[in-house]
Amino acid sequence: MVIKTADFVKSSGKWQECPEPNIPEYAFIGRSNVGKSSLINAMMNKKDLAKTSQTPGKTQLINHFLVNDSWYLTDLPGYGYAKVSKVQRKDFEKLITNYILNRRNLVNIFVLIDARHNPQKIDLEFIQWCGESGIPFSIIFTKADKLKGNAVGKNVDAYKAELHRTWEDLPELYITSAEKKQGCDEILNFIGKTNDFLVSNNVSFDE
């Protein structure tokens, strides 16, 4: 997929405030400081499309971007260890949960995981929740350029082994580096093929 246009649409504090759900939507989510905004910018080939920050938890709203005038890319608040109050964290969780369960045009969620770490409980729990809720998702390992040798492969294999405890078949997995744009084309190709499938099968998101 060639990115011709990618434009910010709006930020929403409630799922009901999101743009009209009439085109395919792909959401990106992960633990705070996983490198989500950097990856989105790399994929869209726009340096400042999604706001990056050294402070975890910078994204606190549902941010929509219209890509090629045909699908939405959604940047969701991070879950986990953001330096916010427990009340704010609960609000984030409610915002994310309501959006995922109610957004009828949501085609797929990309769950971002930091490739530098061993399996993290909070990531595994979120993935399990997606599965139990019947939410289609893929897994993106970020920051692959930060490790040397076969360290990334070992961490990815560790996640696979952990997931195979409860999953027979694993979803699509991508290994990425925002800095080197590794994996960006593969993710965009997946989105492109999915959009083509929706069109060819006359899928409508109207109620």
N, C-alpha and C. Protein backbone atom coordinates (compact mmCIF):
# COMPACT_ATOMS: atom_id res chain seq x y z
N MET A 1 0.84 -1.20 0.00
CA MET A 1 0.00 0.00 0.00
C MET A 1 0.88 1.26 0.00
N VAL A 2 0.56 2.18 -0.90
CA VAL A 2 1.26 3.46 -0.95
C VAL A 2 0.44 4.49 -0.18
N ILE A 3 1.09 5.18 0.75
CA ILE A 3 0.40 6.20 1.52
C ILE A 3 0.44 7.52 0.75
N LYS A 4 -0.72 7.93 0.26
CA LYS A 4 -0.81 9.17 -0.49
C LYS A 4 -1.19 10.34 0.41
N THR A 5 -2.12 10.09 1.33
CA THR A 5 -2.53 11.13 2.27
C THR A 5 -2.74 10.51 3.65
N ALA A 6 -2.40 11.26 4.67
CA ALA A 6 -2.63 10.84 6.06
C ALA A 6 -2.84 12.12 6.86
N ASP A 7 -4.06 12.31 7.33
CA ASP A 7 -4.40 13.56 7.99
C ASP A 7 -5.10 13.33 9.33
N PHE A 8 -4.74 14.14 10.30
CA PHE A 8 -5.41 14.10 11.59
C PHE A 8 -6.85 14.55 11.43
N VAL A 9 -7.78 13.81 12.04
CA VAL A 9 -9.20 14.14 11.95
C VAL A 9 -9.68 14.78 13.24
N LYS A 10 -9.57 14.06 14.36
CA LYS A 10 -10.01 14.60 15.64
C LYS A 10 -9.55 13.74 16.80
N SER A 11 -9.60 14.31 18.00
CA SER A 11 -9.37 13.59 19.25
C SER A 11 -10.70 13.49 19.98
N SER A 12 -10.96 12.32 20.55
CA SER A 12 -12.24 12.09 21.22
C SER A 12 -12.03 11.58 22.64
N GLY A 13 -12.82 12.13 23.55
CA GLY A 13 -12.74 11.70 24.95
C GLY A 13 -13.72 10.60 25.27
N LYS A 14 -14.63 10.29 24.31
CA LYS A 14 -15.60 9.20 24.45
C LYS A 14 -15.73 8.51 23.10
N TRP A 15 -16.04 7.22 23.13
CA TRP A 15 -16.16 6.51 21.86
C TRP A 15 -17.32 7.06 21.03
N GLN A 16 -18.33 7.60 21.71
CA GLN A 16 -19.48 8.15 20.98
C GLN A 16 -19.11 9.40 20.18
N GLU A 17 -18.00 10.04 20.54
CA GLU A 17 -17.58 11.27 19.87
C GLU A 17 -16.68 11.01 18.66
N CYS A 18 -16.35 9.75 18.43
CA CYS A 18 -15.46 9.40 17.31
C CYS A 18 -16.13 9.71 15.97
N PRO A 19 -15.35 9.82 14.90
CA PRO A 19 -15.92 10.11 13.59
C PRO A 19 -16.94 9.04 13.17
N GLU A 20 -17.78 9.41 12.23
CA GLU A 20 -18.80 8.48 11.72
C GLU A 20 -18.15 7.14 11.34
N PRO A 21 -18.66 6.02 11.87
CA PRO A 21 -18.03 4.71 11.63
C PRO A 21 -18.44 4.08 10.30
N ASN A 22 -18.09 4.74 9.20
CA ASN A 22 -18.56 4.30 7.89
C ASN A 22 -17.46 3.75 6.99
N ILE A 23 -16.21 3.72 7.48
CA ILE A 23 -15.11 3.15 6.71
C ILE A 23 -14.27 2.27 7.64
N PRO A 24 -13.45 1.35 7.09
CA PRO A 24 -12.66 0.46 7.93
C PRO A 24 -11.73 1.22 8.87
N GLU A 25 -11.56 0.67 10.05
CA GLU A 25 -10.75 1.33 11.08
C GLU A 25 -9.77 0.33 11.70
N TYR A 26 -8.54 0.76 11.89
CA TYR A 26 -7.48 -0.06 12.47
C TYR A 26 -6.87 0.69 13.64
N ALA A 27 -6.92 0.08 14.82
CA ALA A 27 -6.47 0.75 16.03
C ALA A 27 -5.12 0.23 16.49
N PHE A 28 -4.31 1.14 17.03
CA PHE A 28 -2.99 0.79 17.55
C PHE A 28 -2.99 1.06 19.06
N ILE A 29 -2.55 0.06 19.82
CA ILE A 29 -2.55 0.18 21.27
C ILE A 29 -1.35 -0.58 21.84
N GLY A 30 -0.91 -0.17 23.00
CA GLY A 30 0.20 -0.87 23.66
C GLY A 30 0.49 -0.26 25.00
N ARG A 31 1.38 -0.89 25.71
CA ARG A 31 1.80 -0.37 27.00
C ARG A 31 2.46 1.00 26.81
N SER A 32 2.31 1.85 27.79
CA SER A 32 2.89 3.19 27.70
C SER A 32 4.38 3.11 27.36
N ASN A 33 4.82 3.98 26.47
CA ASN A 33 6.22 4.09 26.05
C ASN A 33 6.67 2.92 25.18
N VAL A 34 5.72 2.29 24.47
CA VAL A 34 6.07 1.16 23.62
C VAL A 34 6.58 1.62 22.25
N GLY A 35 6.44 2.92 21.97
CA GLY A 35 6.90 3.45 20.69
C GLY A 35 5.79 3.50 19.65
N LYS A 36 4.57 3.63 20.11
CA LYS A 36 3.40 3.61 19.22
C LYS A 36 3.38 4.79 18.25
N SER A 37 3.52 5.99 18.78
CA SER A 37 3.47 7.18 17.92
C SER A 37 4.59 7.19 16.90
N SER A 38 5.77 6.75 17.31
CA SER A 38 6.91 6.71 16.38
C SER A 38 6.65 5.74 15.24
N LEU A 39 6.04 4.60 15.55
CA LEU A 39 5.75 3.61 14.51
C LEU A 39 4.68 4.15 13.56
N ILE A 40 3.65 4.78 14.09
CA ILE A 40 2.60 5.35 13.25
C ILE A 40 3.20 6.38 12.30
N ASN A 41 4.06 7.25 12.82
CA ASN A 41 4.70 8.26 11.97
C ASN A 41 5.55 7.62 10.88
N ALA A 42 6.26 6.54 11.23
CA ALA A 42 7.10 5.85 10.25
C ALA A 42 6.25 5.22 9.16
N MET A 43 5.14 4.61 9.55
CA MET A 43 4.25 3.97 8.58
C MET A 43 3.64 4.99 7.63
N MET A 44 3.23 6.13 8.19
CA MET A 44 2.59 7.17 7.39
C MET A 44 3.59 8.08 6.70
N ASN A 45 4.87 7.90 7.01
CA ASN A 45 5.93 8.71 6.42
C ASN A 45 5.74 10.20 6.71
N LYS A 46 5.25 10.47 7.92
CA LYS A 46 5.07 11.84 8.39
C LYS A 46 5.68 11.95 9.77
N LYS A 47 6.64 12.82 9.92
CA LYS A 47 7.41 12.89 11.16
C LYS A 47 6.58 13.24 12.38
N ASP A 48 5.64 14.15 12.25
CA ASP A 48 4.91 14.65 13.41
C ASP A 48 3.40 14.40 13.33
N LEU A 49 2.99 13.37 12.61
CA LEU A 49 1.55 13.09 12.51
C LEU A 49 0.99 12.73 13.88
N ALA A 50 1.57 11.71 14.50
CA ALA A 50 1.20 11.35 15.87
C ALA A 50 2.23 11.96 16.80
N LYS A 51 1.77 12.55 17.89
CA LYS A 51 2.66 13.26 18.81
C LYS A 51 3.46 12.28 19.67
N THR A 52 4.79 12.38 19.58
CA THR A 52 5.65 11.53 20.39
C THR A 52 6.11 12.30 21.63
N SER A 53 6.46 11.53 22.66
CA SER A 53 6.88 12.15 23.91
C SER A 53 7.75 11.18 24.70
N GLN A 54 8.66 11.73 25.48
CA GLN A 54 9.47 10.91 26.38
C GLN A 54 8.68 10.53 27.63
N THR A 55 7.53 11.17 27.82
CA THR A 55 6.71 10.91 29.00
C THR A 55 5.65 9.87 28.69
N PRO A 56 5.70 8.69 29.35
CA PRO A 56 4.68 7.68 29.12
C PRO A 56 3.28 8.22 29.42
N GLY A 57 2.31 7.77 28.64
CA GLY A 57 0.94 8.18 28.88
C GLY A 57 0.57 9.49 28.23
N LYS A 58 1.35 9.93 27.24
CA LYS A 58 1.08 11.21 26.58
C LYS A 58 -0.25 11.17 25.84
N THR A 59 -0.54 10.03 25.17
CA THR A 59 -1.82 9.90 24.48
C THR A 59 -2.91 9.61 25.49
N GLN A 60 -3.85 10.53 25.64
CA GLN A 60 -4.91 10.36 26.63
C GLN A 60 -6.31 10.41 26.01
N LEU A 61 -6.36 10.52 24.68
CA LEU A 61 -7.62 10.56 23.97
C LEU A 61 -7.56 9.56 22.80
N ILE A 62 -8.71 9.32 22.19
CA ILE A 62 -8.76 8.49 20.98
C ILE A 62 -8.47 9.40 19.80
N ASN A 63 -7.36 9.18 19.13
CA ASN A 63 -6.95 10.05 18.03
C ASN A 63 -7.17 9.35 16.69
N HIS A 64 -7.95 9.99 15.82
CA HIS A 64 -8.25 9.43 14.51
C HIS A 64 -7.47 10.12 13.40
N PHE A 65 -6.97 9.32 12.47
CA PHE A 65 -6.28 9.82 11.28
C PHE A 65 -6.92 9.17 10.06
N LEU A 66 -7.21 9.96 9.05
CA LEU A 66 -7.79 9.45 7.81
C LEU A 66 -6.66 9.20 6.81
N VAL A 67 -6.58 7.96 6.34
CA VAL A 67 -5.50 7.55 5.44
C VAL A 67 -6.04 7.26 4.05
N ASN A 68 -5.44 7.88 3.05
CA ASN A 68 -5.83 7.68 1.64
C ASN A 68 -7.33 7.89 1.42
N ASP A 69 -7.94 8.72 2.26
CA ASP A 69 -9.37 9.02 2.16
C ASP A 69 -10.24 7.76 2.16
N SER A 70 -9.71 6.65 2.73
CA SER A 70 -10.47 5.40 2.63
C SER A 70 -10.51 4.57 3.91
N TRP A 71 -9.63 4.86 4.89
CA TRP A 71 -9.67 4.11 6.14
C TRP A 71 -9.09 4.94 7.29
N TYR A 72 -9.52 4.59 8.51
CA TYR A 72 -9.05 5.29 9.69
C TYR A 72 -7.93 4.50 10.39
N LEU A 73 -6.91 5.22 10.78
CA LEU A 73 -5.90 4.72 11.70
C LEU A 73 -6.18 5.39 13.04
N THR A 74 -6.31 4.59 14.10
CA THR A 74 -6.67 5.13 15.40
C THR A 74 -5.55 4.89 16.41
N ASP A 75 -5.14 5.96 17.05
CA ASP A 75 -4.10 5.92 18.07
C ASP A 75 -4.79 5.96 19.43
N LEU A 76 -4.73 4.83 20.16
CA LEU A 76 -5.41 4.72 21.44
C LEU A 76 -4.47 5.02 22.61
N PRO A 77 -5.02 5.44 23.75
CA PRO A 77 -4.18 5.66 24.93
C PRO A 77 -3.46 4.37 25.33
N GLY A 78 -2.25 4.51 25.83
CA GLY A 78 -1.50 3.35 26.28
C GLY A 78 -2.05 2.80 27.58
N TYR A 79 -1.85 1.52 27.79
CA TYR A 79 -2.26 0.93 29.07
C TYR A 79 -1.00 0.65 29.90
N GLY A 80 -1.18 0.52 31.20
CA GLY A 80 -0.04 0.12 32.02
C GLY A 80 0.47 1.16 32.97
N TYR A 81 1.74 1.49 32.83
CA TYR A 81 2.46 2.19 33.89
C TYR A 81 2.64 3.67 33.66
N ALA A 82 1.72 4.27 32.96
CA ALA A 82 1.79 5.72 32.77
C ALA A 82 1.73 6.43 34.12
N LYS A 83 2.47 7.52 34.21
CA LYS A 83 2.54 8.26 35.48
C LYS A 83 1.30 9.14 35.64
N VAL A 84 0.18 8.46 35.87
CA VAL A 84 -1.07 9.18 36.10
C VAL A 84 -1.72 8.59 37.35
N SER A 85 -2.72 9.27 37.85
CA SER A 85 -3.39 8.79 39.06
C SER A 85 -4.19 7.52 38.77
N LYS A 86 -4.56 6.80 39.83
CA LYS A 86 -5.35 5.59 39.66
C LYS A 86 -6.71 5.91 39.04
N VAL A 87 -7.25 7.06 39.39
CA VAL A 87 -8.53 7.47 38.83
C VAL A 87 -8.40 7.68 37.32
N GLN A 88 -7.35 8.39 36.91
CA GLN A 88 -7.12 8.63 35.48
C GLN A 88 -6.91 7.30 34.74
N ARG A 89 -6.16 6.40 35.37
CA ARG A 89 -5.88 5.11 34.74
C ARG A 89 -7.17 4.34 34.54
N LYS A 90 -8.06 4.38 35.51
CA LYS A 90 -9.36 3.72 35.38
C LYS A 90 -10.17 4.35 34.25
N ASP A 91 -10.08 5.68 34.14
CA ASP A 91 -10.79 6.38 33.06
C ASP A 91 -10.26 5.94 31.70
N PHE A 92 -8.91 5.80 31.59
CA PHE A 92 -8.30 5.35 30.34
C PHE A 92 -8.81 3.96 29.99
N GLU A 93 -8.82 3.07 30.99
CA GLU A 93 -9.25 1.69 30.77
C GLU A 93 -10.70 1.65 30.29
N LYS A 94 -11.54 2.45 30.90
CA LYS A 94 -12.95 2.51 30.51
C LYS A 94 -13.09 3.04 29.10
N LEU A 95 -12.33 4.09 28.77
CA LEU A 95 -12.36 4.69 27.44
C LEU A 95 -11.95 3.65 26.39
N ILE A 96 -10.86 2.94 26.65
CA ILE A 96 -10.35 1.94 25.71
C ILE A 96 -11.34 0.79 25.54
N THR A 97 -11.82 0.27 26.66
CA THR A 97 -12.74 -0.88 26.63
C THR A 97 -14.02 -0.53 25.88
N ASN A 98 -14.62 0.60 26.20
CA ASN A 98 -15.85 1.00 25.53
C ASN A 98 -15.66 1.20 24.03
N TYR A 99 -14.53 1.81 23.67
CA TYR A 99 -14.23 2.02 22.25
C TYR A 99 -14.13 0.67 21.53
N ILE A 100 -13.33 -0.23 22.06
CA ILE A 100 -13.09 -1.51 21.40
C ILE A 100 -14.38 -2.33 21.26
N LEU A 101 -15.19 -2.34 22.30
CA LEU A 101 -16.39 -3.18 22.29
C LEU A 101 -17.55 -2.58 21.50
N ASN A 102 -17.52 -1.26 21.28
CA ASN A 102 -18.67 -0.60 20.65
C ASN A 102 -18.41 -0.04 19.25
N ARG A 103 -17.17 0.08 18.85
CA ARG A 103 -16.85 0.69 17.55
C ARG A 103 -17.10 -0.32 16.44
N ARG A 104 -18.21 -0.20 15.75
CA ARG A 104 -18.65 -1.25 14.83
C ARG A 104 -17.80 -1.37 13.57
N ASN A 105 -17.06 -0.34 13.20
CA ASN A 105 -16.22 -0.40 12.01
C ASN A 105 -14.78 -0.78 12.32
N LEU A 106 -14.52 -1.17 13.57
CA LEU A 106 -13.16 -1.56 13.97
C LEU A 106 -12.84 -2.93 13.38
N VAL A 107 -11.93 -2.96 12.43
CA VAL A 107 -11.60 -4.19 11.72
C VAL A 107 -10.54 -5.00 12.44
N ASN A 108 -9.54 -4.31 12.99
CA ASN A 108 -8.43 -5.01 13.62
C ASN A 108 -7.73 -4.10 14.62
N ILE A 109 -7.25 -4.71 15.70
CA ILE A 109 -6.42 -3.99 16.67
C ILE A 109 -4.99 -4.50 16.55
N PHE A 110 -4.06 -3.58 16.46
CA PHE A 110 -2.64 -3.94 16.49
C PHE A 110 -2.14 -3.72 17.92
N VAL A 111 -1.77 -4.80 18.57
CA VAL A 111 -1.27 -4.73 19.94
C VAL A 111 0.25 -4.64 19.88
N LEU A 112 0.78 -3.50 20.34
CA LEU A 112 2.22 -3.26 20.27
C LEU A 112 2.92 -3.75 21.54
N ILE A 113 4.02 -4.46 21.34
CA ILE A 113 4.80 -5.02 22.44
C ILE A 113 6.26 -4.66 22.24
N ASP A 114 6.90 -4.21 23.29
CA ASP A 114 8.33 -3.83 23.25
C ASP A 114 9.17 -5.10 23.11
N ALA A 115 9.87 -5.22 21.98
CA ALA A 115 10.65 -6.42 21.69
C ALA A 115 11.84 -6.61 22.63
N ARG A 116 12.16 -5.59 23.41
CA ARG A 116 13.35 -5.67 24.28
C ARG A 116 13.10 -6.47 25.55
N HIS A 117 11.83 -6.78 25.83
CA HIS A 117 11.51 -7.40 27.11
C HIS A 117 10.96 -8.81 26.97
N ASN A 118 11.11 -9.56 28.05
CA ASN A 118 10.47 -10.87 28.15
C ASN A 118 8.97 -10.66 28.26
N PRO A 119 8.17 -11.71 28.09
CA PRO A 119 6.71 -11.57 28.19
C PRO A 119 6.27 -10.82 29.45
N GLN A 120 5.45 -9.79 29.23
CA GLN A 120 4.96 -8.97 30.33
C GLN A 120 3.51 -9.35 30.64
N LYS A 121 3.19 -9.46 31.91
CA LYS A 121 1.86 -9.89 32.33
C LYS A 121 0.77 -9.01 31.75
N ILE A 122 0.98 -7.69 31.77
CA ILE A 122 -0.06 -6.76 31.32
C ILE A 122 -0.36 -6.92 29.83
N ASP A 123 0.68 -7.21 29.02
CA ASP A 123 0.47 -7.45 27.59
C ASP A 123 -0.31 -8.75 27.37
N LEU A 124 0.10 -9.79 28.08
CA LEU A 124 -0.56 -11.08 27.95
C LEU A 124 -2.03 -11.00 28.37
N GLU A 125 -2.29 -10.24 29.43
CA GLU A 125 -3.66 -10.09 29.91
C GLU A 125 -4.52 -9.35 28.89
N PHE A 126 -3.96 -8.32 28.26
CA PHE A 126 -4.73 -7.57 27.26
C PHE A 126 -5.01 -8.45 26.04
N ILE A 127 -4.02 -9.20 25.60
CA ILE A 127 -4.20 -10.10 24.47
C ILE A 127 -5.28 -11.14 24.79
N GLN A 128 -5.24 -11.68 26.00
CA GLN A 128 -6.24 -12.66 26.42
C GLN A 128 -7.64 -12.05 26.41
N TRP A 129 -7.73 -10.82 26.88
CA TRP A 129 -9.03 -10.13 26.90
C TRP A 129 -9.56 -9.95 25.49
N CYS A 130 -8.69 -9.58 24.55
CA CYS A 130 -9.12 -9.43 23.15
C CYS A 130 -9.68 -10.75 22.63
N GLY A 131 -8.99 -11.83 22.93
CA GLY A 131 -9.44 -13.14 22.47
C GLY A 131 -10.78 -13.52 23.07
N GLU A 132 -10.91 -13.33 24.36
CA GLU A 132 -12.16 -13.68 25.04
C GLU A 132 -13.32 -12.80 24.59
N SER A 133 -13.00 -11.58 24.14
CA SER A 133 -14.04 -10.65 23.70
C SER A 133 -14.34 -10.78 22.21
N GLY A 134 -13.62 -11.68 21.54
CA GLY A 134 -13.85 -11.89 20.12
C GLY A 134 -13.37 -10.74 19.25
N ILE A 135 -12.31 -10.05 19.69
CA ILE A 135 -11.78 -8.89 18.96
C ILE A 135 -10.63 -9.33 18.05
N PRO A 136 -10.73 -9.13 16.72
CA PRO A 136 -9.62 -9.47 15.83
C PRO A 136 -8.40 -8.60 16.14
N PHE A 137 -7.24 -9.22 16.24
CA PHE A 137 -6.04 -8.45 16.55
C PHE A 137 -4.81 -9.08 15.94
N SER A 138 -3.77 -8.26 15.84
CA SER A 138 -2.44 -8.71 15.42
C SER A 138 -1.45 -8.19 16.46
N ILE A 139 -0.25 -8.75 16.47
CA ILE A 139 0.77 -8.34 17.43
C ILE A 139 1.94 -7.72 16.69
N ILE A 140 2.35 -6.55 17.16
CA ILE A 140 3.51 -5.85 16.58
C ILE A 140 4.60 -5.73 17.66
N PHE A 141 5.76 -6.28 17.38
CA PHE A 141 6.91 -6.10 18.28
C PHE A 141 7.68 -4.87 17.82
N THR A 142 7.87 -3.92 18.73
CA THR A 142 8.52 -2.66 18.39
C THR A 142 9.98 -2.60 18.88
N LYS A 143 10.69 -1.61 18.38
CA LYS A 143 12.05 -1.29 18.83
C LYS A 143 13.03 -2.43 18.60
N ALA A 144 12.85 -3.16 17.49
CA ALA A 144 13.73 -4.29 17.19
C ALA A 144 15.17 -3.86 16.97
N ASP A 145 15.37 -2.60 16.58
CA ASP A 145 16.72 -2.11 16.31
C ASP A 145 17.52 -1.86 17.59
N LYS A 146 16.84 -1.92 18.74
CA LYS A 146 17.52 -1.64 20.00
C LYS A 146 18.26 -2.86 20.56
N LEU A 147 18.05 -4.02 19.94
CA LEU A 147 18.70 -5.24 20.41
C LEU A 147 19.65 -5.77 19.34
N LYS A 148 20.64 -6.52 19.78
CA LYS A 148 21.64 -7.06 18.86
C LYS A 148 21.49 -8.58 18.75
N GLY A 149 22.04 -9.09 17.66
CA GLY A 149 22.06 -10.54 17.47
C GLY A 149 20.66 -11.13 17.38
N ASN A 150 20.50 -12.27 18.04
CA ASN A 150 19.21 -12.97 17.98
C ASN A 150 18.35 -12.71 19.21
N ALA A 151 18.64 -11.59 19.93
CA ALA A 151 17.89 -11.28 21.15
C ALA A 151 16.41 -11.05 20.86
N VAL A 152 16.10 -10.38 19.74
CA VAL A 152 14.70 -10.13 19.39
C VAL A 152 13.98 -11.45 19.15
N GLY A 153 14.62 -12.33 18.40
CA GLY A 153 14.03 -13.63 18.10
C GLY A 153 13.74 -14.43 19.36
N LYS A 154 14.64 -14.35 20.32
CA LYS A 154 14.45 -15.08 21.58
C LYS A 154 13.24 -14.54 22.35
N ASN A 155 13.12 -13.21 22.39
CA ASN A 155 11.98 -12.61 23.11
C ASN A 155 10.66 -12.90 22.41
N VAL A 156 10.67 -12.86 21.08
CA VAL A 156 9.46 -13.17 20.32
C VAL A 156 9.07 -14.64 20.54
N ASP A 157 10.05 -15.52 20.52
CA ASP A 157 9.78 -16.94 20.77
C ASP A 157 9.23 -17.17 22.17
N ALA A 158 9.72 -16.38 23.12
CA ALA A 158 9.23 -16.50 24.50
C ALA A 158 7.76 -16.10 24.58
N TYR A 159 7.39 -15.04 23.85
CA TYR A 159 5.98 -14.63 23.81
C TYR A 159 5.13 -15.71 23.14
N LYS A 160 5.63 -16.25 22.04
CA LYS A 160 4.89 -17.30 21.33
C LYS A 160 4.63 -18.49 22.25
N ALA A 161 5.67 -18.90 22.97
CA ALA A 161 5.54 -20.04 23.87
C ALA A 161 4.51 -19.76 24.96
N GLU A 162 4.53 -18.52 25.47
CA GLU A 162 3.58 -18.15 26.52
C GLU A 162 2.16 -18.14 25.98
N LEU A 163 1.99 -17.60 24.78
CA LEU A 163 0.66 -17.53 24.18
C LEU A 163 0.12 -18.91 23.82
N HIS A 164 1.01 -19.81 23.42
CA HIS A 164 0.58 -21.15 23.04
C HIS A 164 0.04 -21.95 24.24
N ARG A 165 0.21 -21.42 25.42
CA ARG A 165 -0.38 -22.07 26.58
C ARG A 165 -1.91 -22.05 26.49
N THR A 166 -2.44 -20.99 25.90
CA THR A 166 -3.91 -20.86 25.80
C THR A 166 -4.40 -20.71 24.36
N TRP A 167 -3.49 -20.47 23.42
CA TRP A 167 -3.89 -20.27 22.02
C TRP A 167 -3.32 -21.39 21.16
N GLU A 168 -4.21 -21.99 20.35
CA GLU A 168 -3.73 -23.01 19.41
C GLU A 168 -3.09 -22.35 18.21
N ASP A 169 -3.79 -21.36 17.65
CA ASP A 169 -3.28 -20.61 16.51
C ASP A 169 -3.00 -19.18 16.93
N LEU A 170 -1.86 -18.67 16.55
CA LEU A 170 -1.49 -17.31 16.91
C LEU A 170 -1.87 -16.35 15.79
N PRO A 171 -2.11 -15.09 16.14
CA PRO A 171 -2.46 -14.08 15.11
C PRO A 171 -1.23 -13.68 14.31
N GLU A 172 -1.42 -12.78 13.38
CA GLU A 172 -0.30 -12.23 12.61
C GLU A 172 0.69 -11.55 13.56
N LEU A 173 1.97 -11.80 13.34
CA LEU A 173 3.02 -11.18 14.16
C LEU A 173 3.95 -10.37 13.26
N TYR A 174 4.31 -9.18 13.73
CA TYR A 174 5.20 -8.31 12.96
C TYR A 174 6.34 -7.83 13.85
N ILE A 175 7.53 -7.81 13.32
CA ILE A 175 8.69 -7.28 14.03
C ILE A 175 9.09 -5.97 13.37
N THR A 176 9.12 -4.89 14.16
CA THR A 176 9.28 -3.57 13.57
C THR A 176 10.37 -2.73 14.23
N SER A 177 10.79 -1.73 13.48
CA SER A 177 11.66 -0.67 13.99
C SER A 177 11.21 0.62 13.33
N ALA A 178 10.72 1.56 14.13
CA ALA A 178 10.28 2.84 13.58
C ALA A 178 11.47 3.59 12.96
N GLU A 179 12.60 3.48 13.61
CA GLU A 179 13.80 4.20 13.15
C GLU A 179 14.24 3.72 11.77
N LYS A 180 14.16 2.40 11.54
CA LYS A 180 14.60 1.83 10.26
C LYS A 180 13.43 1.51 9.33
N LYS A 181 12.24 1.81 9.80
CA LYS A 181 11.00 1.52 9.06
C LYS A 181 10.84 0.04 8.75
N GLN A 182 11.44 -0.78 9.56
CA GLN A 182 11.31 -2.23 9.41
C GLN A 182 9.88 -2.66 9.75
N GLY A 183 9.29 -3.48 8.91
CA GLY A 183 7.97 -4.04 9.19
C GLY A 183 6.81 -3.15 8.77
N CYS A 184 7.07 -1.90 8.42
CA CYS A 184 5.98 -0.97 8.07
C CYS A 184 5.24 -1.43 6.82
N ASP A 185 5.97 -1.84 5.79
CA ASP A 185 5.32 -2.27 4.55
C ASP A 185 4.46 -3.50 4.78
N GLU A 186 4.94 -4.42 5.62
CA GLU A 186 4.18 -5.65 5.88
C GLU A 186 2.84 -5.34 6.55
N ILE A 187 2.87 -4.42 7.51
CA ILE A 187 1.62 -4.03 8.20
C ILE A 187 0.66 -3.35 7.22
N LEU A 188 1.19 -2.45 6.42
CA LEU A 188 0.35 -1.74 5.44
C LEU A 188 -0.21 -2.69 4.39
N ASN A 189 0.57 -3.68 4.00
CA ASN A 189 0.08 -4.67 3.03
C ASN A 189 -1.08 -5.48 3.63
N PHE A 190 -0.96 -5.81 4.91
CA PHE A 190 -2.04 -6.52 5.59
C PHE A 190 -3.31 -5.68 5.59
N ILE A 191 -3.17 -4.39 5.91
CA ILE A 191 -4.33 -3.49 5.91
C ILE A 191 -4.91 -3.37 4.51
N GLY A 192 -4.04 -3.23 3.51
CA GLY A 192 -4.50 -3.11 2.13
C GLY A 192 -5.27 -4.33 1.66
N LYS A 193 -4.75 -5.52 1.96
CA LYS A 193 -5.42 -6.75 1.56
C LYS A 193 -6.76 -6.91 2.29
N THR A 194 -6.78 -6.51 3.56
CA THR A 194 -8.02 -6.60 4.32
C THR A 194 -9.06 -5.65 3.76
N ASN A 195 -8.64 -4.44 3.42
CA ASN A 195 -9.58 -3.48 2.83
C ASN A 195 -10.12 -3.99 1.48
N ASP A 196 -9.24 -4.59 0.68
CA ASP A 196 -9.68 -5.16 -0.61
C ASP A 196 -10.71 -6.26 -0.39
N PHE A 197 -10.48 -7.08 0.62
CA PHE A 197 -11.42 -8.16 0.94
C PHE A 197 -12.78 -7.59 1.33
N LEU A 198 -12.77 -6.53 2.14
CA LEU A 198 -14.02 -5.91 2.58
C LEU A 198 -14.79 -5.35 1.39
N VAL A 199 -14.07 -4.72 0.48
CA VAL A 199 -14.71 -4.14 -0.71
C VAL A 199 -15.28 -5.24 -1.60
N SER A 200 -14.48 -6.27 -1.86
CA SER A 200 -14.92 -7.34 -2.77
C SER A 200 -16.10 -8.12 -2.21
N ASN A 201 -16.26 -8.09 -0.88
CA ASN A 201 -17.36 -8.81 -0.26
C ASN A 201 -18.51 -7.87 0.15
N ASN A 202 -18.42 -6.63 -0.34
CA ASN A 202 -19.48 -5.64 -0.10
C ASN A 202 -19.83 -5.49 1.38
N VAL A 203 -18.79 -5.48 2.22
CA VAL A 203 -18.99 -5.32 3.65
C VAL A 203 -19.38 -3.88 3.96
N SER A 204 -20.47 -3.71 4.69
CA SER A 204 -20.92 -2.38 5.07
C SER A 204 -20.92 -2.25 6.59
N PHE A 205 -20.62 -1.04 7.06
CA PHE A 205 -20.58 -0.82 8.50
C PHE A 205 -21.83 -0.09 9.00
N ASP A 206 -22.76 0.10 8.10
CA ASP A 206 -24.02 0.74 8.49
C ASP A 206 -24.81 -0.18 9.42
N GLU A 207 -25.51 0.41 10.35
CA GLU A 207 -26.29 -0.38 11.29
C GLU A 207 -27.48 -1.02 10.59
